[in-house]
C-alpha atoms as a PDB file:
ATOM      1  CA  MET A   1    -128.674  48.766 -71.743  1.00  0.00           C
ATOM      2  CA  GLU A   2    -126.428  50.801 -74.028  1.00  0.00           C
ATOM      3  CA  LYS A   3    -126.878  50.166 -77.729  1.00  0.00           C
ATOM      4  CA  LEU A   4    -124.686  47.435 -79.226  1.00  0.00           C
ATOM      5  CA  ILE A   5    -123.456  47.468 -82.790  1.00  0.00           C
ATOM      6  CA  ALA A   6    -123.426  44.374 -84.989  1.00  0.00           C
ATOM      7  CA  ARG A   7    -119.764  43.622 -84.220  1.00  0.00           C
ATOM      8  CA  HIS A   8    -120.450  43.635 -80.488  1.00  0.00           C
ATOM      9  CA  ASN A   9    -123.212  41.088 -80.995  1.00  0.00           C
ATOM     10  CA  ASP A  10    -120.866  38.952 -83.091  1.00  0.00           C
ATOM     11  CA  ILE A  11    -118.332  38.961 -80.242  1.00  0.00           C
ATOM     12  CA  LEU A  12    -120.988  37.970 -77.704  1.00  0.00           C
ATOM     13  CA  LYS A  13    -122.195  35.203 -80.001  1.00  0.00           C
ATOM     14  CA  GLU A  14    -118.652  33.823 -80.178  1.00  0.00           C
ATOM     15  CA  LEU A  15    -118.482  33.898 -76.370  1.00  0.00           C
ATOM     16  CA  ASP A  16    -121.790  32.043 -76.076  1.00  0.00           C
ATOM     17  CA  GLU A  17    -120.374  29.289 -78.294  1.00  0.00           C
ATOM     18  CA  LYS A  18    -116.855  29.062 -76.847  1.00  0.00           C
ATOM     19  CA  GLU A  19    -116.968  30.841 -73.440  1.00  0.00           C
ATOM     20  CA  TYR A  20    -113.441  32.181 -74.162  1.00  0.00           C
ATOM     21  CA  VAL A  21    -112.154  34.102 -77.177  1.00  0.00           C
ATOM     22  CA  LEU A  22    -108.759  35.444 -78.225  1.00  0.00           C
ATOM     23  CA  VAL A  23    -108.225  38.949 -79.582  1.00  0.00           C
ATOM     24  CA  GLN A  24    -106.310  37.588 -82.570  1.00  0.00           C
ATOM     25  CA  ASP A  25    -109.089  35.160 -83.502  1.00  0.00           C
ATOM     26  CA  LEU A  26    -111.688  37.943 -83.324  1.00  0.00           C
ATOM     27  CA  CYS A  27    -109.515  40.178 -85.531  1.00  0.00           C
ATOM     28  CA  GLU A  28    -109.368  37.520 -88.217  1.00  0.00           C
ATOM     29  CA  LYS A  29    -113.043  36.575 -87.984  1.00  0.00           C
ATOM     30  CA  LEU A  30    -114.385  40.142 -87.960  1.00  0.00           C
ATOM     31  CA  ASN A  31    -111.667  41.635 -90.202  1.00  0.00           C
ATOM     32  CA  VAL A  32    -110.756  44.519 -87.907  1.00  0.00           C
ATOM     33  CA  SER A  33    -107.607  45.589 -86.054  1.00  0.00           C
ATOM     34  CA  SER A  34    -106.587  44.434 -82.593  1.00  0.00           C
ATOM     35  CA  VAL A  35    -107.000  48.032 -81.370  1.00  0.00           C
ATOM     36  CA  THR A  36    -110.658  47.958 -82.418  1.00  0.00           C
ATOM     37  CA  ILE A  37    -111.282  44.582 -80.792  1.00  0.00           C
ATOM     38  CA  ARG A  38    -109.687  45.670 -77.525  1.00  0.00           C
ATOM     39  CA  LYS A  39    -111.886  48.786 -77.461  1.00  0.00           C
ATOM     40  CA  ASP A  40    -114.915  46.570 -78.096  1.00  0.00           C
ATOM     41  CA  LEU A  41    -113.946  44.220 -75.277  1.00  0.00           C
ATOM     42  CA  ASN A  42    -113.372  47.095 -72.874  1.00  0.00           C
ATOM     43  CA  TYR A  43    -116.783  48.511 -73.738  1.00  0.00           C
ATOM     44  CA  LEU A  44    -118.563  45.175 -73.361  1.00  0.00           C
ATOM     45  CA  GLU A  45    -116.811  44.595 -70.026  1.00  0.00           C
ATOM     46  CA  SER A  46    -118.007  47.991 -68.801  1.00  0.00           C
ATOM     47  CA  LEU A  47    -121.553  46.768 -69.485  1.00  0.00           C
ATOM     48  CA  GLY A  48    -120.920  43.591 -67.487  1.00  0.00           C
ATOM     49  CA  LEU A  49    -121.276  41.342 -70.559  1.00  0.00           C
ATOM     50  CA  LEU A  50    -117.831  39.716 -70.412  1.00  0.00           C
ATOM     51  CA  PHE A  51    -114.542  39.612 -68.497  1.00  0.00           C
ATOM     52  CA  ARG A  52    -111.277  40.854 -70.016  1.00  0.00           C
ATOM     53  CA  ASN A  53    -108.056  38.915 -69.504  1.00  0.00           C
ATOM     54  CA  HIS A  54    -104.647  38.631 -71.095  1.00  0.00           C
ATOM     55  CA  GLY A  55    -105.057  38.143 -74.831  1.00  0.00           C
ATOM     56  CA  GLY A  56    -108.828  37.848 -74.910  1.00  0.00           C
ATOM     57  CA  ALA A  57    -112.055  37.663 -72.956  1.00  0.00           C
ATOM     58  CA  SER A  58    -114.260  35.099 -71.255  1.00  0.00           C
ATOM     59  CA  LYS A  59    -117.941  34.727 -70.533  1.00  0.00           C
ATOM     60  CA  HIS A  60    -117.263  34.085 -66.858  1.00  0.00           C
ATOM     61  CA  VAL A  61    -114.587  35.338 -64.484  1.00  0.00           C
ATOM     62  CA  ARG A  62    -111.481  33.199 -64.973  1.00  0.00           C
ATOM     63  CA  TYR A  63    -110.115  33.336 -61.423  1.00  0.00           C
ATOM     64  CA  ALA A  64    -111.129  30.917 -58.688  1.00  0.00           C
ATOM     65  CA  TYR A  65    -111.387  32.441 -55.233  1.00  0.00           C
ATOM     66  CA  GLU A  66    -111.169  30.608 -51.953  1.00  0.00           C
ATOM     67  CA  LYS A  67    -114.463  29.646 -50.355  1.00  0.00           C
ATOM     68  CA  ASN A  68    -115.189  27.886 -47.092  1.00  0.00           C
ATOM     69  CA  VAL A  69    -115.704  24.156 -47.512  1.00  0.00           C
ATOM     70  CA  ASN A  70    -119.255  24.397 -46.128  1.00  0.00           C
ATOM     71  CA  GLU A  71    -120.152  26.887 -48.859  1.00  0.00           C
ATOM     72  CA  LYS A  72    -118.548  24.779 -51.613  1.00  0.00           C
ATOM     73  CA  GLU A  73    -120.291  21.617 -50.415  1.00  0.00           C
ATOM     74  CA  ASN A  74    -123.588  22.667 -52.007  1.00  0.00           C
ATOM     75  CA  ILE A  75    -122.232  23.888 -55.355  1.00  0.00           C
ATOM     76  CA  ASN A  76    -122.705  21.666 -58.457  1.00  0.00           C
ATOM     77  CA  VAL A  77    -123.621  18.693 -56.272  1.00  0.00           C
ATOM     78  CA  GLU A  78    -125.048  16.478 -59.018  1.00  0.00           C
ATOM     79  CA  ALA A  79    -122.067  17.076 -61.299  1.00  0.00           C
ATOM     80  CA  LYS A  80    -119.625  16.231 -58.491  1.00  0.00           C
ATOM     81  CA  GLN A  81    -121.490  13.017 -57.685  1.00  0.00           C
ATOM     82  CA  ASN A  82    -121.442  11.949 -61.334  1.00  0.00           C
ATOM     83  CA  VAL A  83    -117.729  12.683 -61.569  1.00  0.00           C
ATOM     84  CA  VAL A  84    -117.026  10.594 -58.469  1.00  0.00           C
ATOM     85  CA  ARG A  85    -119.028   7.612 -59.781  1.00  0.00           C
ATOM     86  CA  ALA A  86    -116.869   7.560 -62.910  1.00  0.00           C
ATOM     87  CA  ALA A  87    -113.614   7.989 -60.973  1.00  0.00           C
ATOM     88  CA  ILE A  88    -114.281   5.102 -58.599  1.00  0.00           C
ATOM     89  CA  GLU A  89    -114.278   2.755 -61.595  1.00  0.00           C
ATOM     90  CA  LEU A  90    -110.533   3.403 -61.933  1.00  0.00           C
ATOM     91  CA  ILE A  91    -109.827   1.754 -58.547  1.00  0.00           C
ATOM     92  CA  GLN A  92    -108.847  -1.911 -58.294  1.00  0.00           C
ATOM     93  CA  GLU A  93    -108.646  -4.306 -55.358  1.00  0.00           C
ATOM     94  CA  ASN A  94    -105.672  -3.715 -53.039  1.00  0.00           C
ATOM     95  CA  ASP A  95    -104.805  -0.354 -54.595  1.00  0.00           C
ATOM     96  CA  CYS A  96    -103.060   2.254 -52.479  1.00  0.00           C
ATOM     97  CA  ILE A  97    -104.615   5.601 -53.362  1.00  0.00           C
ATOM     98  CA  ILE A  98    -104.351   9.221 -52.273  1.00  0.00           C
ATOM     99  CA  LEU A  99    -107.469  11.308 -51.757  1.00  0.00           C
ATOM    100  CA  ALA A 100    -106.657  14.996 -51.534  1.00  0.00           C
ATOM    101  CA  SER A 101    -108.920  17.556 -49.868  1.00  0.00           C
ATOM    102  CA  GLY A 102    -112.016  19.345 -51.104  1.00  0.00           C
ATOM    103  CA  THR A 103    -115.744  18.801 -51.394  1.00  0.00           C
ATOM    104  CA  THR A 104    -115.455  16.473 -54.384  1.00  0.00           C
ATOM    105  CA  MET A 105    -113.276  14.230 -52.227  1.00  0.00           C
ATOM    106  CA  HIS A 106    -115.975  14.260 -49.535  1.00  0.00           C
ATOM    107  CA  TYR A 107    -118.447  12.838 -52.059  1.00  0.00           C
ATOM    108  CA  PHE A 108    -115.755  10.372 -53.142  1.00  0.00           C
ATOM    109  CA  ALA A 109    -115.360   9.107 -49.571  1.00  0.00           C
ATOM    110  CA  ARG A 110    -119.104   8.712 -49.091  1.00  0.00           C
ATOM    111  CA  MET A 111    -119.332   6.512 -52.178  1.00  0.00           C
ATOM    112  CA  LEU A 112    -116.262   4.524 -51.139  1.00  0.00           C
ATOM    113  CA  VAL A 113    -118.074   3.521 -47.953  1.00  0.00           C
ATOM    114  CA  SER A 114    -119.765   0.791 -50.008  1.00  0.00           C
ATOM    115  CA  PHE A 115    -116.542  -0.321 -51.756  1.00  0.00           C
ATOM    116  CA  GLY A 116    -116.344  -4.029 -50.984  1.00  0.00           C
ATOM    117  CA  GLN A 117    -112.677  -4.801 -51.658  1.00  0.00           C
ATOM    118  CA  PRO A 118    -109.466  -4.210 -49.686  1.00  0.00           C
ATOM    119  CA  LEU A 119    -108.061  -0.733 -50.241  1.00  0.00           C
ATOM    120  CA  THR A 120    -105.550   1.620 -48.629  1.00  0.00           C
ATOM    121  CA  VAL A 121    -106.369   5.322 -48.635  1.00  0.00           C
ATOM    122  CA  LEU A 122    -103.900   8.041 -47.698  1.00  0.00           C
ATOM    123  CA  THR A 123    -105.589  11.408 -47.237  1.00  0.00           C
ATOM    124  CA  SER A 124    -105.017  14.978 -46.121  1.00  0.00           C
ATOM    125  CA  SER A 125    -108.731  15.472 -45.473  1.00  0.00           C
ATOM    126  CA  LEU A 126    -110.133  14.988 -41.989  1.00  0.00           C
ATOM    127  CA  ARG A 127    -113.654  14.550 -43.340  1.00  0.00           C
ATOM    128  CA  VAL A 128    -112.544  11.903 -45.815  1.00  0.00           C
ATOM    129  CA  ALA A 129    -110.808   9.898 -43.090  1.00  0.00           C
ATOM    130  CA  LEU A 130    -113.830  10.041 -40.774  1.00  0.00           C
ATOM    131  CA  GLU A 131    -116.193   9.014 -43.565  1.00  0.00           C
ATOM    132  CA  LEU A 132    -114.023   6.054 -44.555  1.00  0.00           C
ATOM    133  CA  CYS A 133    -114.022   4.757 -40.983  1.00  0.00           C
ATOM    134  CA  ASN A 134    -117.438   3.331 -41.894  1.00  0.00           C
ATOM    135  CA  ASN A 135    -115.858   0.838 -44.325  1.00  0.00           C
ATOM    136  CA  PRO A 136    -114.070  -2.128 -42.643  1.00  0.00           C
ATOM    137  CA  HIS A 137    -112.261  -3.014 -45.893  1.00  0.00           C
ATOM    138  CA  ILE A 138    -110.371   0.281 -46.118  1.00  0.00           C
ATOM    139  CA  ASN A 139    -107.061   0.931 -44.374  1.00  0.00           C
ATOM    140  CA  ILE A 140    -106.785   4.674 -43.692  1.00  0.00           C
ATOM    141  CA  ILE A 141    -103.595   6.702 -43.347  1.00  0.00           C
ATOM    142  CA  GLN A 142    -104.276  10.238 -42.158  1.00  0.00           C
ATOM    143  CA  LEU A 143    -101.601  12.840 -42.835  1.00  0.00           C
ATOM    144  CA  GLY A 144    -100.747  14.858 -39.737  1.00  0.00           C
ATOM    145  CA  GLY A 145     -99.799  18.489 -39.337  1.00  0.00           C
ATOM    146  CA  GLU A 146    -101.376  21.920 -39.385  1.00  0.00           C
ATOM    147  CA  VAL A 147    -105.162  21.953 -39.808  1.00  0.00           C
ATOM    148  CA  ARG A 148    -106.697  24.387 -42.291  1.00  0.00           C
ATOM    149  CA  LYS A 149    -110.096  24.976 -40.726  1.00  0.00           C
ATOM    150  CA  SER A 150    -111.626  26.474 -43.886  1.00  0.00           C
ATOM    151  CA  SER A 151    -111.029  23.218 -45.782  1.00  0.00           C
ATOM    152  CA  THR A 152    -110.876  20.773 -42.801  1.00  0.00           C
ATOM    153  CA  SER A 153    -107.622  19.445 -44.226  1.00  0.00           C
ATOM    154  CA  ILE A 154    -103.966  19.099 -43.275  1.00  0.00           C
ATOM    155  CA  VAL A 155    -101.154  21.192 -44.791  1.00  0.00           C
ATOM    156  CA  GLY A 156     -97.593  22.193 -43.987  1.00  0.00           C
ATOM    157  CA  SER A 157     -94.137  20.704 -43.523  1.00  0.00           C
ATOM    158  CA  ILE A 158     -95.176  17.909 -41.140  1.00  0.00           C
ATOM    159  CA  SER A 159     -97.686  16.495 -43.609  1.00  0.00           C
ATOM    160  CA  GLU A 160     -95.197  16.889 -46.455  1.00  0.00           C
ATOM    161  CA  ASN A 161     -92.508  14.927 -44.586  1.00  0.00           C
ATOM    162  CA  ILE A 162     -94.968  12.122 -43.840  1.00  0.00           C
ATOM    163  CA  LEU A 163     -96.127  12.028 -47.453  1.00  0.00           C
ATOM    164  CA  ARG A 164     -92.585  11.505 -48.751  1.00  0.00           C
ATOM    165  CA  GLN A 165     -92.541   8.074 -47.066  1.00  0.00           C
ATOM    166  CA  PHE A 166     -95.230   6.635 -49.359  1.00  0.00           C
ATOM    167  CA  SER A 167     -95.725   5.508 -52.933  1.00  0.00           C
ATOM    168  CA  CYS A 168     -99.265   5.043 -54.239  1.00  0.00           C
ATOM    169  CA  ASN A 169    -101.055   3.761 -57.333  1.00  0.00           C
ATOM    170  CA  ILE A 170    -103.373   6.693 -57.966  1.00  0.00           C
ATOM    171  CA  LEU A 171    -103.815  10.246 -56.753  1.00  0.00           C
ATOM    172  CA  PHE A 172    -107.373  11.576 -56.920  1.00  0.00           C
ATOM    173  CA  LEU A 173    -107.176  15.338 -56.873  1.00  0.00           C
ATOM    174  CA  GLY A 174    -109.812  18.066 -56.787  1.00  0.00           C
ATOM    175  CA  VAL A 175    -108.818  21.472 -58.154  1.00  0.00           C
ATOM    176  CA  ASP A 176    -110.219  24.998 -58.306  1.00  0.00           C
ATOM    177  CA  GLY A 177    -109.021  25.726 -61.826  1.00  0.00           C
ATOM    178  CA  ILE A 178    -107.891  24.080 -65.062  1.00  0.00           C
ATOM    179  CA  ASP A 179    -106.231  26.372 -67.573  1.00  0.00           C
ATOM    180  CA  MET A 180    -104.656  25.166 -70.825  1.00  0.00           C
ATOM    181  CA  ASP A 181    -101.541  27.303 -70.257  1.00  0.00           C
ATOM    182  CA  PHE A 182    -101.321  27.658 -66.473  1.00  0.00           C
ATOM    183  CA  GLY A 183    -102.260  24.048 -65.709  1.00  0.00           C
ATOM    184  CA  ILE A 184    -104.140  22.848 -62.629  1.00  0.00           C
ATOM    185  CA  SER A 185    -104.400  25.116 -59.616  1.00  0.00           C
ATOM    186  CA  THR A 186    -106.047  25.744 -56.283  1.00  0.00           C
ATOM    187  CA  SER A 187    -106.907  28.901 -54.369  1.00  0.00           C
ATOM    188  CA  ASN A 188    -104.478  28.234 -51.485  1.00  0.00           C
ATOM    189  CA  ALA A 189    -100.682  28.133 -51.796  1.00  0.00           C
ATOM    190  CA  ALA A 190    -100.130  25.621 -48.971  1.00  0.00           C
ATOM    191  CA  GLU A 191    -102.650  23.205 -50.487  1.00  0.00           C
ATOM    192  CA  ALA A 192    -100.977  23.639 -53.882  1.00  0.00           C
ATOM    193  CA  HIS A 193     -97.556  22.710 -52.488  1.00  0.00           C
ATOM    194  CA  LEU A 194     -98.883  19.607 -50.753  1.00  0.00           C
ATOM    195  CA  ASN A 195    -100.668  18.597 -53.956  1.00  0.00           C
ATOM    196  CA  GLN A 196     -97.373  18.908 -55.843  1.00  0.00           C
ATOM    197  CA  LEU A 197     -95.803  16.362 -53.514  1.00  0.00           C
ATOM    198  CA  MET A 198     -98.818  14.084 -53.864  1.00  0.00           C
ATOM    199  CA  ILE A 199     -98.228  14.031 -57.616  1.00  0.00           C
ATOM    200  CA  GLU A 200     -94.636  12.931 -57.044  1.00  0.00           C
ATOM    201  CA  CYS A 201     -95.835  10.065 -54.822  1.00  0.00           C
ATOM    202  CA  ALA A 202     -98.374   8.628 -57.286  1.00  0.00           C
ATOM    203  CA  ASP A 203     -98.052   6.494 -60.401  1.00  0.00           C
ATOM    204  CA  LYS A 204    -101.154   8.069 -61.963  1.00  0.00           C
ATOM    205  CA  VAL A 205    -102.804  11.435 -61.429  1.00  0.00           C
ATOM    206  CA  VAL A 206    -106.572  11.698 -61.791  1.00  0.00           C
ATOM    207  CA  VAL A 207    -108.114  15.170 -61.580  1.00  0.00           C
ATOM    208  CA  LEU A 208    -111.786  15.316 -60.593  1.00  0.00           C
ATOM    209  CA  ALA A 209    -113.428  18.564 -61.632  1.00  0.00           C
ATOM    210  CA  ASP A 210    -116.820  19.525 -62.968  1.00  0.00           C
ATOM    211  CA  SER A 211    -116.762  21.566 -66.170  1.00  0.00           C
ATOM    212  CA  SER A 212    -117.210  24.885 -64.309  1.00  0.00           C
ATOM    213  CA  LYS A 213    -113.523  24.608 -63.288  1.00  0.00           C
ATOM    214  CA  LEU A 214    -112.295  24.678 -66.896  1.00  0.00           C
ATOM    215  CA  ASN A 215    -110.570  27.813 -68.184  1.00  0.00           C
ATOM    216  CA  LYS A 216    -110.125  29.118 -64.650  1.00  0.00           C
ATOM    217  CA  LYS A 217    -107.032  29.734 -62.538  1.00  0.00           C
ATOM    218  CA  GLY A 218    -106.512  29.623 -58.792  1.00  0.00           C
ATOM    219  CA  PHE A 219    -103.792  31.503 -56.906  1.00  0.00           C
ATOM    220  CA  GLY A 220    -101.580  28.449 -56.306  1.00  0.00           C
ATOM    221  CA  LYS A 221    -100.308  26.496 -59.308  1.00  0.00           C
ATOM    222  CA  ILE A 222    -100.179  22.752 -58.686  1.00  0.00           C
ATOM    223  CA  ALA A 223     -98.763  21.428 -61.940  1.00  0.00           C
ATOM    224  CA  PRO A 224     -98.820  21.759 -65.724  1.00  0.00           C
ATOM    225  CA  LEU A 225    -101.317  19.601 -67.573  1.00  0.00           C
ATOM    226  CA  ASP A 226     -98.631  17.170 -68.751  1.00  0.00           C
ATOM    227  CA  LYS A 227     -98.554  15.850 -65.161  1.00  0.00           C
ATOM    228  CA  VAL A 228    -102.232  14.820 -65.395  1.00  0.00           C
ATOM    229  CA  ASP A 229    -103.152  11.361 -66.698  1.00  0.00           C
ATOM    230  CA  TYR A 230    -106.947  11.599 -66.457  1.00  0.00           C
ATOM    231  CA  LEU A 231    -109.525  14.327 -66.112  1.00  0.00           C
ATOM    232  CA  VAL A 232    -112.883  13.057 -64.896  1.00  0.00           C
ATOM    233  CA  THR A 233    -115.551  15.674 -65.542  1.00  0.00           C
ATOM    234  CA  ASN A 234    -119.221  16.051 -66.397  1.00  0.00           C
ATOM    235  CA  GLU A 235    -120.754  16.331 -69.846  1.00  0.00           C
ATOM    236  CA  GLY A 236    -120.731  20.135 -69.641  1.00  0.00           C
ATOM    237  CA  ILE A 237    -117.173  20.177 -71.038  1.00  0.00           C
ATOM    238  CA  SER A 238    -117.032  21.683 -74.526  1.00  0.00           C
ATOM    239  CA  ALA A 239    -115.851  19.600 -77.483  1.00  0.00           C
ATOM    240  CA  GLU A 240    -113.092  22.159 -78.049  1.00  0.00           C
ATOM    241  CA  ASP A 241    -111.737  21.906 -74.487  1.00  0.00           C
ATOM    242  CA  LYS A 242    -111.925  18.112 -74.576  1.00  0.00           C
ATOM    243  CA  LYS A 243    -109.971  18.018 -77.827  1.00  0.00           C
ATOM    244  CA  LYS A 244    -107.292  20.400 -76.492  1.00  0.00           C
ATOM    245  CA  LEU A 245    -106.813  18.335 -73.340  1.00  0.00           C
ATOM    246  CA  GLU A 246    -106.550  15.070 -75.248  1.00  0.00           C
ATOM    247  CA  GLU A 247    -103.982  16.635 -77.594  1.00  0.00           C
ATOM    248  CA  MET A 248    -101.968  17.465 -74.463  1.00  0.00           C
ATOM    249  CA  GLY A 249    -102.039  13.813 -73.384  1.00  0.00           C
ATOM    250  CA  VAL A 250    -104.868  14.006 -70.838  1.00  0.00           C
ATOM    251  CA  SER A 251    -107.442  11.215 -71.084  1.00  0.00           C
ATOM    252  CA  VAL A 252    -110.856  12.818 -70.561  1.00  0.00           C
ATOM    253  CA  ILE A 253    -113.647  10.782 -68.948  1.00  0.00           C
ATOM    254  CA  THR A 254    -117.114  12.319 -68.921  1.00  0.00           C
ATOM    255  CA  LYS A 255    -120.098  11.211 -66.869  1.00  0.00           C
END
C-alpha cells in the first residue's frame, strides 16, 4: 500500500468512528483548507480506503443497487429477524396493516403465522400473501397488477388504483436506503411510487431496516424522513444516527 501521512490516518480514524465525514468538519478538526481535504479524500479513494460523495466521504458505498430477492434473502438474516420481532409488538388485535414488499417483509410474514388475534393484512408481496395463508386469523388482501419477478411483488397503476380504496392503521415498509437529507428510498422507481401511496393510506409509517441501510440512497425516493413515525432497526445503529433521527421526529426502536 502507498504510504499514508498522519493526516490521512486521522481521516480514516474519523471514518472508523462515524462511517461518514463531511469536508467542512475535517477542515475544522485538522486545521487545513477544504482544497487539501478534497485532495486527501481523492487520494484515499484511489487506494480503495473510502468512497467520495457530495460534501464528504463514507466508509462504505452510499448507493443501494437492485438485487434479486433470492440474493437479498440471505443477507443480514439475524438482524432482519430481530427487527421483525420488535415490529410485531406494534400490532394490536383487529388492526388493518399494510406489508410492503422485500425480504424483511418475508420474515415478517413468517413470524405473523403464529399471531393469534384477528388481523387484516393488505400486501403487494406475493410471498407475504402465500405465507399468511397459513394463519386462519388473518384476512389477506392481495394487491393486483403487474408482477415484478425480481421482487415477487406487484407494482403499477392497477395496484395503485386498488390501494386508494383502503385506509389502514400501520404501514410496515422495508427500504434500501435511509439518508438524513434524501429520506427513505428503494432501488426501483415503480416500487418507490407504490410505497408513496401506501404512506398516504396509513395512519402510521413504520420503516424496518437493519443498520446497514443507514446513510445510503436508492434510485427511487419514497419520502422524506418527516413522513416516518418509527424506525425499527438493530443495535448496529450509531448513537449519532439515532440522535439525528430522533431530532427529526422519528422514534427509533432497536432490537
